[in-house]
Structures are given as structure tokens and as C-alpha cells.
Amino acid sequence: MNSGNPTTYTVYFQIAGISVEVTSDLPVTPSTFGKKFESFRVETPGADLVKIHHHFSPPDVTKYQLNDEVYRKAPWVIFKEDGKWIYGEVLPGKDRLNRMAVFSEDHASCDMYHDSITKRNYVAGNLASLTLFPTDQIIFSKILPERQGCYIHSAGLIIDGKGYVFVGHSDAGKSTLTNLLRKDAEILCDDRNIIRKQGQKFLVHGTWSHGDIEDVSSACAEIQGIMFIHQADTNRIVPVESRQEAMKRILPCLIKPFVTADWWYHVLDLVEDIVKQVPCYDLYFDKSGKIVDWLIG
């Protein structure tokens, strides 16, 4: 869809109640972004709007001093300058920034400057992220805590209209458990989901950041339980009675951006609120599928 300016093109998405406006200097076609985004695409944005603008020309680094370096871990370097966050990609053996993203103070608006390789990938289509970076977590993990939300390593499912969050890092069995439940549940995402407070309720929202299972959904549901999953030889569900213990389990599974004191302040308050309101359990399961009866019965 053309934005009105003949040199830019705009498309909208929505995730966890947050609208995303993607504007590009090159045309946006139905095949520009991968099929996993279809559930999240919308015609008009809501009030809470994040803006991404793609430029396919080298960044004018002379506009920035790039003196206040706050993070460096190959290939990424981050600078803070005049109320902006500047993320750069530096190729091995080179000093210049290969790609660059300039974010507003709150990360709700950014200009992305891409190299020729990324431009070719854009034209080819079937892109795996809206930012064209390896992951869109660079934005959402940063902005969610101020919106009473968090991005978490988990499988998210809706069973009989109720939301369940199965928490665990890689190899914990999120995809295995999702496969066992897929006939009886709507899959939100098998690897990374968003928990966000709405009124007095906590909802689980699907994301497009899937793992082994490509099924994703933009749907959401009130969370009935957070399950810390363990692959085992038996099937059982054990309540986690201690809120401190539940909080200690959730925090390492949060997807973290470049963190600041403000980010931690909002996250700690949020997770404390989650464990007060949402029941938490240890879920042990084998591959027999018997755990399905426990969960849907």
C-alpha cells in the first residue's frame, strides 16, 4: 500500500495490542514479508503505534558523533546520543558501520539503514522479521515493560478459550509439548510469546517468533496457568506455592534487550504482579501424550 508519498510504501501489523507501521523506500508487496505475518497484518493502526522506516542507502554517519558507546559485542555496537539509541553492525576487520538503526529514546520509532545484501534479500521477499535484523525482539523486548508486558521464552496455547504459557529455554521441550497438544489447542507460538496486563487480567499473546512449529497466531487469551516444563519419565503437575520461587523461574526466561535501570524497574514490578495473580506450576511430562488428558480434562 502506498503511503501517499510516491517514494515510500507502508504496511501495518499488530501484535499484543501494539500496532507496527512499516514504511519502506522500496515497494512492499504481498510476498515481502513471510507468511507467518499474515495473522498479524491489519489495514489500519491503533493508537499505540511503533514506526519502522527502511532506507536502502548507506547511513550518513557524519550526522552523529558516535562517542558515547554503551555496548559492544561482535558484530553489534550501541551508542547513546542526543536522546537517540544508535545500533550498528560492524563487520570483522572493518571500522565502519555496515548497517545502522537509529531509535528514538523510547524505541517506538526507528530508521533502519541497510546494506546492498539486505536490499537484495528485501527484493527477494519472504522476510523473517519486520526490522530486517535477525529478530524483531530488538524493539518489542525493549518497549513492552512500560506497557505492562514482557517477551518470554515459552509455548503459548489456547485450550477451550483459556490461555496457558509453557515456560522454558531451548531444549526444554516447548515444541514437543506443543505437538502433543496441537489437536486440542490453538497454537499461539511454540517458542516466544508475550504476556501483557489488560485491566486486572494477564493475557498471553502469540508472536511470529516461532521455533520448530511454524503455526503462529495473533490471538490472545486470559492466562489460566504458567507451567515450568520438564521432560521426565512420568506425568504430573505440581503447584509452585512460593511466589519468590515462581519469580526466580520466570526472570531467566525473559527475552532481554540492551537493558537499562528503567527497564529492570518495570520488569521486576510486572513479574511480581504476574506471580501474585497467575497460578504457576511445575509440569513434568513424557512423550506418551498422557499429559494431554491432565491439561484438557
C-alpha atoms as a PDB file:
ATOM      1  CA  MET A   1       0.000   0.000   0.000  1.00  0.00           C
ATOM      2  CA  ASN A   2       1.391   3.411  -0.957  1.00  0.00           C
ATOM      3  CA  SER A   3       1.539   5.831   1.978  1.00  0.00           C
ATOM      4  CA  GLY A   4       0.694   8.874  -0.172  1.00  0.00           C
ATOM      5  CA  ASN A   5       4.319   9.791  -0.785  1.00  0.00           C
ATOM      6  CA  PRO A   6       5.297   8.264  -4.173  1.00  0.00           C
ATOM      7  CA  THR A   7       8.727   7.288  -2.840  1.00  0.00           C
ATOM      8  CA  THR A   8       7.582   5.392   0.270  1.00  0.00           C
ATOM      9  CA  TYR A   9       5.318   2.417   0.914  1.00  0.00           C
ATOM     10  CA  THR A  10       3.556   1.449   4.124  1.00  0.00           C
ATOM     11  CA  VAL A  11       2.034  -1.673   5.649  1.00  0.00           C
ATOM     12  CA  TYR A  12       0.615  -2.270   9.154  1.00  0.00           C
ATOM     13  CA  PHE A  13       0.792  -5.131  11.627  1.00  0.00           C
ATOM     14  CA  GLN A  14      -0.469  -5.598  15.175  1.00  0.00           C
ATOM     15  CA  ILE A  15       0.996  -7.674  17.996  1.00  0.00           C
ATOM     16  CA  ALA A  16      -0.161  -7.793  21.631  1.00  0.00           C
ATOM     17  CA  GLY A  17      -2.279  -4.680  21.063  1.00  0.00           C
ATOM     18  CA  ILE A  18       0.654  -2.716  19.633  1.00  0.00           C
ATOM     19  CA  SER A  19       0.407  -1.519  16.029  1.00  0.00           C
ATOM     20  CA  VAL A  20       3.511  -1.536  13.857  1.00  0.00           C
ATOM     21  CA  GLU A  21       3.844   0.786  10.883  1.00  0.00           C
ATOM     22  CA  VAL A  22       6.482  -0.459   8.438  1.00  0.00           C
ATOM     23  CA  THR A  23       7.483   2.121   5.841  1.00  0.00           C
ATOM     24  CA  SER A  24       9.993   1.418   3.096  1.00  0.00           C
ATOM     25  CA  ASP A  25      11.758   3.315   0.347  1.00  0.00           C
ATOM     26  CA  LEU A  26      11.150   0.221  -1.809  1.00  0.00           C
ATOM     27  CA  PRO A  27       7.721  -1.255  -2.642  1.00  0.00           C
ATOM     28  CA  VAL A  28       6.055  -3.534  -0.106  1.00  0.00           C
ATOM     29  CA  THR A  29       4.406  -6.452  -1.909  1.00  0.00           C
ATOM     30  CA  PRO A  30       2.234  -9.308  -0.568  1.00  0.00           C
ATOM     31  CA  SER A  31       5.353 -11.503  -0.599  1.00  0.00           C
ATOM     32  CA  THR A  32       7.785  -9.037   1.002  1.00  0.00           C
ATOM     33  CA  PHE A  33       7.225 -10.465   4.468  1.00  0.00           C
ATOM     34  CA  GLY A  34       6.837 -14.189   5.205  1.00  0.00           C
ATOM     35  CA  LYS A  35       3.524 -15.987   5.549  1.00  0.00           C
ATOM     36  CA  LYS A  36       3.876 -16.102   9.326  1.00  0.00           C
ATOM     37  CA  PHE A  37       2.976 -12.396   9.410  1.00  0.00           C
ATOM     38  CA  GLU A  38      -0.427 -12.829   7.757  1.00  0.00           C
ATOM     39  CA  SER A  39      -2.296 -13.275  11.042  1.00  0.00           C
ATOM     40  CA  PHE A  40      -0.752 -10.057  12.349  1.00  0.00           C
ATOM     41  CA  ARG A  41      -1.395  -7.834   9.350  1.00  0.00           C
ATOM     42  CA  VAL A  42      -4.049  -5.102   9.718  1.00  0.00           C
ATOM     43  CA  GLU A  43      -5.404  -2.403   7.435  1.00  0.00           C
ATOM     44  CA  THR A  44      -5.361   0.472   9.912  1.00  0.00           C
ATOM     45  CA  PRO A  45      -3.239   1.050  13.027  1.00  0.00           C
ATOM     46  CA  GLY A  46      -4.391   1.559  16.596  1.00  0.00           C
ATOM     47  CA  ALA A  47      -3.438   4.340  18.976  1.00  0.00           C
ATOM     48  CA  ASP A  48      -0.308   2.624  20.322  1.00  0.00           C
ATOM     49  CA  LEU A  49       1.940   2.823  17.273  1.00  0.00           C
ATOM     50  CA  VAL A  50       5.536   1.727  16.669  1.00  0.00           C
ATOM     51  CA  LYS A  51       7.165   3.035  13.490  1.00  0.00           C
ATOM     52  CA  ILE A  52       9.876   1.338  11.408  1.00  0.00           C
ATOM     53  CA  HIS A  53      11.279   3.042   8.312  1.00  0.00           C
ATOM     54  CA  HIS A  54      13.603   1.148   5.967  1.00  0.00           C
ATOM     55  CA  HIS A  55      16.241   3.014   3.960  1.00  0.00           C
ATOM     56  CA  PHE A  56      18.327   1.180   1.379  1.00  0.00           C
ATOM     57  CA  SER A  57      21.223   3.588   1.251  1.00  0.00           C
ATOM     58  CA  PRO A  58      24.299   3.992   3.461  1.00  0.00           C
ATOM     59  CA  PRO A  59      23.704   5.897   6.694  1.00  0.00           C
ATOM     60  CA  ASP A  60      25.129   9.386   6.933  1.00  0.00           C
ATOM     61  CA  VAL A  61      27.314   8.724   9.943  1.00  0.00           C
ATOM     62  CA  THR A  62      28.689  12.272   9.808  1.00  0.00           C
ATOM     63  CA  LYS A  63      25.418  13.393  11.444  1.00  0.00           C
ATOM     64  CA  TYR A  64      26.434  11.600  14.648  1.00  0.00           C
ATOM     65  CA  GLN A  65      29.404  11.886  16.987  1.00  0.00           C
ATOM     66  CA  LEU A  66      29.286   8.175  17.953  1.00  0.00           C
ATOM     67  CA  ASN A  67      31.347   8.861  21.047  1.00  0.00           C
ATOM     68  CA  ASP A  68      29.121   7.525  23.832  1.00  0.00           C
ATOM     69  CA  GLU A  69      29.478   3.782  23.279  1.00  0.00           C
ATOM     70  CA  VAL A  70      27.373   1.837  25.792  1.00  0.00           C
ATOM     71  CA  TYR A  71      27.629  -1.702  24.408  1.00  0.00           C
ATOM     72  CA  ARG A  72      29.862  -3.746  22.118  1.00  0.00           C
ATOM     73  CA  LYS A  73      29.667  -7.432  21.353  1.00  0.00           C
ATOM     74  CA  ALA A  74      30.509  -8.540  17.818  1.00  0.00           C
ATOM     75  CA  PRO A  75      29.007  -7.737  15.450  1.00  0.00           C
ATOM     76  CA  TRP A  76      26.892  -5.143  17.305  1.00  0.00           C
ATOM     77  CA  VAL A  77      27.764  -1.826  18.871  1.00  0.00           C
ATOM     78  CA  ILE A  78      25.313   0.581  20.575  1.00  0.00           C
ATOM     79  CA  PHE A  79      25.689   4.329  21.127  1.00  0.00           C
ATOM     80  CA  LYS A  80      23.537   6.778  23.105  1.00  0.00           C
ATOM     81  CA  GLU A  81      23.422  10.259  21.622  1.00  0.00           C
ATOM     82  CA  ASP A  82      21.073  13.264  21.936  1.00  0.00           C
ATOM     83  CA  GLY A  83      18.093  11.221  23.097  1.00  0.00           C
ATOM     84  CA  LYS A  84      18.599   8.528  20.460  1.00  0.00           C
ATOM     85  CA  TRP A  85      19.863   4.960  20.529  1.00  0.00           C
ATOM     86  CA  ILE A  86      22.114   4.040  17.606  1.00  0.00           C
ATOM     87  CA  TYR A  87      22.628   0.355  16.850  1.00  0.00           C
ATOM     88  CA  GLY A  88      25.373  -0.501  14.405  1.00  0.00           C
ATOM     89  CA  GLU A  89      26.647  -3.662  12.762  1.00  0.00           C
ATOM     90  CA  VAL A  90      30.418  -3.787  12.287  1.00  0.00           C
ATOM     91  CA  LEU A  91      31.888  -6.448  10.008  1.00  0.00           C
ATOM     92  CA  PRO A  92      35.045  -8.293  11.139  1.00  0.00           C
ATOM     93  CA  GLY A  93      38.205  -6.385  10.303  1.00  0.00           C
ATOM     94  CA  LYS A  94      36.356  -3.148   9.480  1.00  0.00           C
ATOM     95  CA  ASP A  95      35.723   0.002  11.482  1.00  0.00           C
ATOM     96  CA  ARG A  96      32.787   1.482   9.557  1.00  0.00           C
ATOM     97  CA  LEU A  97      29.172   0.641  10.370  1.00  0.00           C
ATOM     98  CA  ASN A  98      27.803  -1.797   7.825  1.00  0.00           C
ATOM     99  CA  ARG A  99      24.170  -1.385   8.854  1.00  0.00           C
ATOM    100  CA  MET A 100      22.684   1.080  11.287  1.00  0.00           C
ATOM    101  CA  ALA A 101      19.420   1.618  13.166  1.00  0.00           C
ATOM    102  CA  VAL A 102      18.565   4.925  14.828  1.00  0.00           C
ATOM    103  CA  PHE A 103      15.919   4.574  17.545  1.00  0.00           C
ATOM    104  CA  SER A 104      14.037   7.226  19.466  1.00  0.00           C
ATOM    105  CA  GLU A 105      14.573   7.373  23.223  1.00  0.00           C
ATOM    106  CA  ASP A 106      11.599   5.035  23.853  1.00  0.00           C
ATOM    107  CA  HIS A 107      12.386   2.712  20.904  1.00  0.00           C
ATOM    108  CA  ALA A 108       8.915   3.358  19.460  1.00  0.00           C
ATOM    109  CA  SER A 109      10.318   4.862  16.254  1.00  0.00           C
ATOM    110  CA  CYS A 110      13.353   3.885  14.215  1.00  0.00           C
ATOM    111  CA  ASP A 111      15.115   4.475  10.919  1.00  0.00           C
ATOM    112  CA  MET A 112      16.864   1.364   9.585  1.00  0.00           C
ATOM    113  CA  TYR A 113      19.734   1.809   7.098  1.00  0.00           C
ATOM    114  CA  HIS A 114      20.634  -1.329   5.149  1.00  0.00           C
ATOM    115  CA  ASP A 115      23.481  -2.609   3.030  1.00  0.00           C
ATOM    116  CA  SER A 116      23.277  -3.981  -0.521  1.00  0.00           C
ATOM    117  CA  ILE A 117      22.950  -7.593   0.657  1.00  0.00           C
ATOM    118  CA  THR A 118      19.924  -6.754   2.791  1.00  0.00           C
ATOM    119  CA  LYS A 119      18.462  -4.827  -0.146  1.00  0.00           C
ATOM    120  CA  ARG A 120      18.709  -7.943  -2.336  1.00  0.00           C
ATOM    121  CA  ASN A 121      17.079 -10.019   0.398  1.00  0.00           C
ATOM    122  CA  TYR A 122      14.284  -7.451   0.687  1.00  0.00           C
ATOM    123  CA  VAL A 123      13.574  -7.574  -3.053  1.00  0.00           C
ATOM    124  CA  ALA A 124      13.577 -11.401  -2.962  1.00  0.00           C
ATOM    125  CA  GLY A 125      10.900 -11.309  -0.238  1.00  0.00           C
ATOM    126  CA  ASN A 126       9.718 -13.846   2.350  1.00  0.00           C
ATOM    127  CA  LEU A 127      11.461 -11.836   5.055  1.00  0.00           C
ATOM    128  CA  ALA A 128      11.594 -13.307   8.567  1.00  0.00           C
ATOM    129  CA  SER A 129      11.471 -10.035  10.515  1.00  0.00           C
ATOM    130  CA  LEU A 130       9.916  -6.604  10.183  1.00  0.00           C
ATOM    131  CA  THR A 131      13.152  -4.849  11.136  1.00  0.00           C
ATOM    132  CA  LEU A 132      15.204  -6.944   8.648  1.00  0.00           C
ATOM    133  CA  PHE A 133      17.509  -7.645  11.570  1.00  0.00           C
ATOM    134  CA  PRO A 134      17.834 -11.281  12.718  1.00  0.00           C
ATOM    135  CA  THR A 135      14.967 -10.709  15.150  1.00  0.00           C
ATOM    136  CA  ASP A 136      12.334  -8.098  15.975  1.00  0.00           C
ATOM    137  CA  GLN A 137      12.986  -8.610  19.678  1.00  0.00           C
ATOM    138  CA  ILE A 138      15.287  -5.591  19.459  1.00  0.00           C
ATOM    139  CA  ILE A 139      12.115  -3.474  19.614  1.00  0.00           C
ATOM    140  CA  PHE A 140       9.494  -5.462  21.478  1.00  0.00           C
ATOM    141  CA  SER A 141      11.609  -6.717  24.356  1.00  0.00           C
ATOM    142  CA  LYS A 142      12.556  -3.073  24.949  1.00  0.00           C
ATOM    143  CA  ILE A 143       9.152  -1.374  24.759  1.00  0.00           C
ATOM    144  CA  LEU A 144       6.915  -3.968  26.429  1.00  0.00           C
ATOM    145  CA  PRO A 145       7.720  -3.444  30.139  1.00  0.00           C
ATOM    146  CA  GLU A 146       6.487   0.172  30.041  1.00  0.00           C
ATOM    147  CA  ARG A 147       3.272  -1.250  28.561  1.00  0.00           C
ATOM    148  CA  GLN A 148       2.933  -3.809  31.354  1.00  0.00           C
ATOM    149  CA  GLY A 149       4.166  -6.626  29.162  1.00  0.00           C
ATOM    150  CA  CYS A 150       7.122  -8.927  28.639  1.00  0.00           C
ATOM    151  CA  TYR A 151       8.540 -11.200  25.945  1.00  0.00           C
ATOM    152  CA  ILE A 152       9.178 -14.698  27.285  1.00  0.00           C
ATOM    153  CA  HIS A 153      10.715 -17.984  26.110  1.00  0.00           C
ATOM    154  CA  SER A 154       7.599 -20.134  26.077  1.00  0.00           C
ATOM    155  CA  ALA A 155       4.998 -22.061  24.156  1.00  0.00           C
ATOM    156  CA  GLY A 156       1.646 -20.282  24.179  1.00  0.00           C
ATOM    157  CA  LEU A 157      -1.591 -22.232  23.678  1.00  0.00           C
ATOM    158  CA  ILE A 158      -5.312 -21.591  23.955  1.00  0.00           C
ATOM    159  CA  ILE A 159      -7.296 -24.587  25.238  1.00  0.00           C
ATOM    160  CA  ASP A 160     -11.094 -24.227  25.497  1.00  0.00           C
ATOM    161  CA  GLY A 161     -10.703 -20.461  25.350  1.00  0.00           C
ATOM    162  CA  LYS A 162      -8.165 -20.393  28.185  1.00  0.00           C
ATOM    163  CA  GLY A 163      -4.555 -19.313  27.842  1.00  0.00           C
ATOM    164  CA  TYR A 164      -1.593 -21.376  29.006  1.00  0.00           C
ATOM    165  CA  VAL A 165       2.081 -20.430  28.994  1.00  0.00           C
ATOM    166  CA  PHE A 166       4.626 -23.267  28.990  1.00  0.00           C
ATOM    167  CA  VAL A 167       7.916 -21.698  30.035  1.00  0.00           C
ATOM    168  CA  GLY A 168      11.381 -22.987  29.248  1.00  0.00           C
ATOM    169  CA  HIS A 169      14.607 -22.247  27.392  1.00  0.00           C
ATOM    170  CA  SER A 170      15.770 -24.083  24.263  1.00  0.00           C
ATOM    171  CA  ASP A 171      15.551 -27.888  24.504  1.00  0.00           C
ATOM    172  CA  ALA A 172      13.175 -27.693  27.461  1.00  0.00           C
ATOM    173  CA  GLY A 173      10.505 -29.392  25.342  1.00  0.00           C
ATOM    174  CA  LYS A 174       8.277 -26.499  24.298  1.00  0.00           C
ATOM    175  CA  SER A 175       7.831 -27.749  20.727  1.00  0.00           C
ATOM    176  CA  THR A 176       7.467 -31.367  21.868  1.00  0.00           C
ATOM    177  CA  LEU A 177       4.667 -30.417  24.260  1.00  0.00           C
ATOM    178  CA  THR A 178       3.033 -28.199  21.632  1.00  0.00           C
ATOM    179  CA  ASN A 179       2.958 -31.110  19.197  1.00  0.00           C
ATOM    180  CA  LEU A 180       1.281 -33.303  21.817  1.00  0.00           C
ATOM    181  CA  LEU A 181      -1.419 -30.673  22.362  1.00  0.00           C
ATOM    182  CA  ARG A 182      -1.917 -29.328  18.835  1.00  0.00           C
ATOM    183  CA  LYS A 183      -5.089 -31.350  18.132  1.00  0.00           C
ATOM    184  CA  ASP A 184      -6.797 -29.873  21.169  1.00  0.00           C
ATOM    185  CA  ALA A 185      -5.404 -26.335  21.220  1.00  0.00           C
ATOM    186  CA  GLU A 186      -4.842 -23.196  19.204  1.00  0.00           C
ATOM    187  CA  ILE A 187      -1.122 -22.618  18.902  1.00  0.00           C
ATOM    188  CA  LEU A 188      -0.043 -19.037  19.536  1.00  0.00           C
ATOM    189  CA  CYS A 189       3.679 -19.706  19.165  1.00  0.00           C
ATOM    190  CA  ASP A 190       5.871 -22.624  20.220  1.00  0.00           C
ATOM    191  CA  ASP A 191       8.910 -20.597  21.291  1.00  0.00           C
ATOM    192  CA  ARG A 192       8.320 -16.944  22.236  1.00  0.00           C
ATOM    193  CA  ASN A 193       5.158 -15.245  23.429  1.00  0.00           C
ATOM    194  CA  ILE A 194       4.097 -12.014  25.063  1.00  0.00           C
ATOM    195  CA  ILE A 195       2.428 -11.708  28.455  1.00  0.00           C
ATOM    196  CA  ARG A 196       0.633  -8.397  28.886  1.00  0.00           C
ATOM    197  CA  LYS A 197      -1.699  -6.991  31.519  1.00  0.00           C
ATOM    198  CA  GLN A 198      -5.086  -5.714  30.405  1.00  0.00           C
ATOM    199  CA  GLY A 199      -7.186  -4.193  33.149  1.00  0.00           C
ATOM    200  CA  GLN A 200      -6.857  -6.659  36.023  1.00  0.00           C
ATOM    201  CA  LYS A 201      -6.121  -9.655  33.788  1.00  0.00           C
ATOM    202  CA  PHE A 202      -2.966 -11.074  32.275  1.00  0.00           C
ATOM    203  CA  LEU A 203      -3.231 -12.221  28.674  1.00  0.00           C
ATOM    204  CA  VAL A 204      -0.905 -14.364  26.580  1.00  0.00           C
ATOM    205  CA  HIS A 205      -0.423 -13.103  23.014  1.00  0.00           C
ATOM    206  CA  GLY A 206       1.094 -15.034  20.130  1.00  0.00           C
ATOM    207  CA  THR A 207       4.118 -13.767  18.201  1.00  0.00           C
ATOM    208  CA  TRP A 208       5.716 -14.630  14.856  1.00  0.00           C
ATOM    209  CA  SER A 209       8.956 -15.774  16.566  1.00  0.00           C
ATOM    210  CA  HIS A 210       8.307 -19.500  16.281  1.00  0.00           C
ATOM    211  CA  GLY A 211      10.644 -22.427  16.841  1.00  0.00           C
ATOM    212  CA  ASP A 212      10.229 -25.841  15.229  1.00  0.00           C
ATOM    213  CA  ILE A 213       6.483 -25.453  14.649  1.00  0.00           C
ATOM    214  CA  GLU A 214       5.577 -22.812  12.082  1.00  0.00           C
ATOM    215  CA  ASP A 215       1.971 -22.349  13.305  1.00  0.00           C
ATOM    216  CA  VAL A 216       1.552 -18.897  14.860  1.00  0.00           C
ATOM    217  CA  SER A 217      -1.456 -16.756  15.716  1.00  0.00           C
ATOM    218  CA  SER A 218      -2.119 -13.154  16.711  1.00  0.00           C
ATOM    219  CA  ALA A 219      -4.876 -14.359  19.070  1.00  0.00           C
ATOM    220  CA  CYS A 220      -4.784 -13.917  22.823  1.00  0.00           C
ATOM    221  CA  ALA A 221      -6.467 -15.328  25.921  1.00  0.00           C
ATOM    222  CA  GLU A 222      -6.506 -14.776  29.657  1.00  0.00           C
ATOM    223  CA  ILE A 223      -3.803 -16.874  31.294  1.00  0.00           C
ATOM    224  CA  GLN A 224      -5.084 -19.718  33.462  1.00  0.00           C
ATOM    225  CA  GLY A 225      -1.665 -21.059  34.347  1.00  0.00           C
ATOM    226  CA  ILE A 226       2.067 -20.656  33.819  1.00  0.00           C
ATOM    227  CA  MET A 227       3.767 -24.045  33.522  1.00  0.00           C
ATOM    228  CA  PHE A 228       7.506 -24.556  34.054  1.00  0.00           C
ATOM    229  CA  ILE A 229       8.075 -27.590  31.850  1.00  0.00           C
ATOM    230  CA  HIS A 230      10.318 -30.588  32.463  1.00  0.00           C
ATOM    231  CA  GLN A 231      10.725 -33.620  30.208  1.00  0.00           C
ATOM    232  CA  ALA A 232      10.528 -36.634  32.509  1.00  0.00           C
ATOM    233  CA  ASP A 233       9.593 -40.317  32.807  1.00  0.00           C
ATOM    234  CA  THR A 234       6.275 -39.538  34.478  1.00  0.00           C
ATOM    235  CA  ASN A 235       3.390 -37.095  34.064  1.00  0.00           C
ATOM    236  CA  ARG A 236       2.430 -34.800  36.894  1.00  0.00           C
ATOM    237  CA  ILE A 237       1.596 -31.187  37.679  1.00  0.00           C
ATOM    238  CA  VAL A 238       2.832 -29.674  40.924  1.00  0.00           C
ATOM    239  CA  PRO A 239       1.807 -26.178  42.122  1.00  0.00           C
ATOM    240  CA  VAL A 240       4.642 -23.733  42.745  1.00  0.00           C
ATOM    241  CA  GLU A 241       3.489 -22.343  46.071  1.00  0.00           C
ATOM    242  CA  SER A 242       6.267 -19.801  46.614  1.00  0.00           C
ATOM    243  CA  ARG A 243       5.866 -16.554  44.724  1.00  0.00           C
ATOM    244  CA  GLN A 244       9.556 -15.854  45.138  1.00  0.00           C
ATOM    245  CA  GLU A 245      10.373 -19.214  43.558  1.00  0.00           C
ATOM    246  CA  ALA A 246       7.989 -18.560  40.645  1.00  0.00           C
ATOM    247  CA  MET A 247       9.516 -15.138  40.116  1.00  0.00           C
ATOM    248  CA  LYS A 248      13.018 -16.653  40.197  1.00  0.00           C
ATOM    249  CA  ARG A 249      11.940 -19.130  37.480  1.00  0.00           C
ATOM    250  CA  ILE A 250      10.343 -16.520  35.200  1.00  0.00           C
ATOM    251  CA  LEU A 251      13.100 -13.890  35.206  1.00  0.00           C
ATOM    252  CA  PRO A 252      15.793 -16.015  33.457  1.00  0.00           C
ATOM    253  CA  CYS A 253      13.296 -16.901  30.712  1.00  0.00           C
ATOM    254  CA  LEU A 254      12.511 -13.300  29.817  1.00  0.00           C
ATOM    255  CA  ILE A 255      13.877 -12.128  26.486  1.00  0.00           C
ATOM    256  CA  LYS A 256      16.102  -9.186  27.299  1.00  0.00           C
ATOM    257  CA  PRO A 257      17.188  -6.240  25.153  1.00  0.00           C
ATOM    258  CA  PHE A 258      20.083  -3.970  25.971  1.00  0.00           C
ATOM    259  CA  VAL A 259      18.801  -3.405  29.495  1.00  0.00           C
ATOM    260  CA  THR A 260      18.671  -0.186  31.487  1.00  0.00           C
ATOM    261  CA  ALA A 261      17.715   0.591  35.075  1.00  0.00           C
ATOM    262  CA  ASP A 262      14.270   1.758  33.941  1.00  0.00           C
ATOM    263  CA  TRP A 263      13.737  -1.500  32.052  1.00  0.00           C
ATOM    264  CA  TRP A 264      14.540  -3.559  35.159  1.00  0.00           C
ATOM    265  CA  TYR A 265      12.333  -1.362  37.322  1.00  0.00           C
ATOM    266  CA  HIS A 266       9.288  -2.013  35.134  1.00  0.00           C
ATOM    267  CA  VAL A 267      10.085  -5.721  34.636  1.00  0.00           C
ATOM    268  CA  LEU A 268      10.503  -6.537  38.313  1.00  0.00           C
ATOM    269  CA  ASP A 269       7.207  -4.840  39.180  1.00  0.00           C
ATOM    270  CA  LEU A 270       5.484  -6.656  36.327  1.00  0.00           C
ATOM    271  CA  VAL A 271       6.754 -10.148  37.169  1.00  0.00           C
ATOM    272  CA  GLU A 272       5.910  -9.646  40.835  1.00  0.00           C
ATOM    273  CA  ASP A 273       2.366  -8.742  39.758  1.00  0.00           C
ATOM    274  CA  ILE A 274       2.176 -11.794  37.463  1.00  0.00           C
ATOM    275  CA  VAL A 275       3.080 -14.317  40.164  1.00  0.00           C
ATOM    276  CA  LYS A 276       0.575 -12.735  42.557  1.00  0.00           C
ATOM    277  CA  GLN A 277      -2.313 -13.203  40.128  1.00  0.00           C
ATOM    278  CA  VAL A 278      -1.498 -16.156  37.886  1.00  0.00           C
ATOM    279  CA  PRO A 279      -1.149 -19.722  39.242  1.00  0.00           C
ATOM    280  CA  CYS A 280       2.253 -21.280  38.491  1.00  0.00           C
ATOM    281  CA  TYR A 281       3.078 -24.976  38.232  1.00  0.00           C
ATOM    282  CA  ASP A 282       5.874 -27.416  37.552  1.00  0.00           C
ATOM    283  CA  LEU A 283       4.735 -29.651  34.694  1.00  0.00           C
ATOM    284  CA  TYR A 284       6.511 -32.975  34.195  1.00  0.00           C
ATOM    285  CA  PHE A 285       5.703 -34.933  31.036  1.00  0.00           C
ATOM    286  CA  ASP A 286       6.853 -37.852  28.945  1.00  0.00           C
ATOM    287  CA  LYS A 287       6.286 -38.403  25.225  1.00  0.00           C
ATOM    288  CA  SER A 288       3.363 -40.786  25.687  1.00  0.00           C
ATOM    289  CA  GLY A 289       0.845 -37.968  25.377  1.00  0.00           C
ATOM    290  CA  LYS A 290      -0.864 -38.834  28.676  1.00  0.00           C
ATOM    291  CA  ILE A 291      -0.264 -35.302  29.919  1.00  0.00           C
ATOM    292  CA  VAL A 292      -2.844 -34.128  27.370  1.00  0.00           C
ATOM    293  CA  ASP A 293      -5.660 -35.657  29.452  1.00  0.00           C
ATOM    294  CA  TRP A 294      -4.377 -33.821  32.505  1.00  0.00           C
ATOM    295  CA  LEU A 295      -4.459 -30.488  30.725  1.00  0.00           C
ATOM    296  CA  ILE A 296      -7.702 -30.702  28.732  1.00  0.00           C
ATOM    297  CA  GLY A 297      -9.720 -32.858  31.082  1.00  0.00           C
END
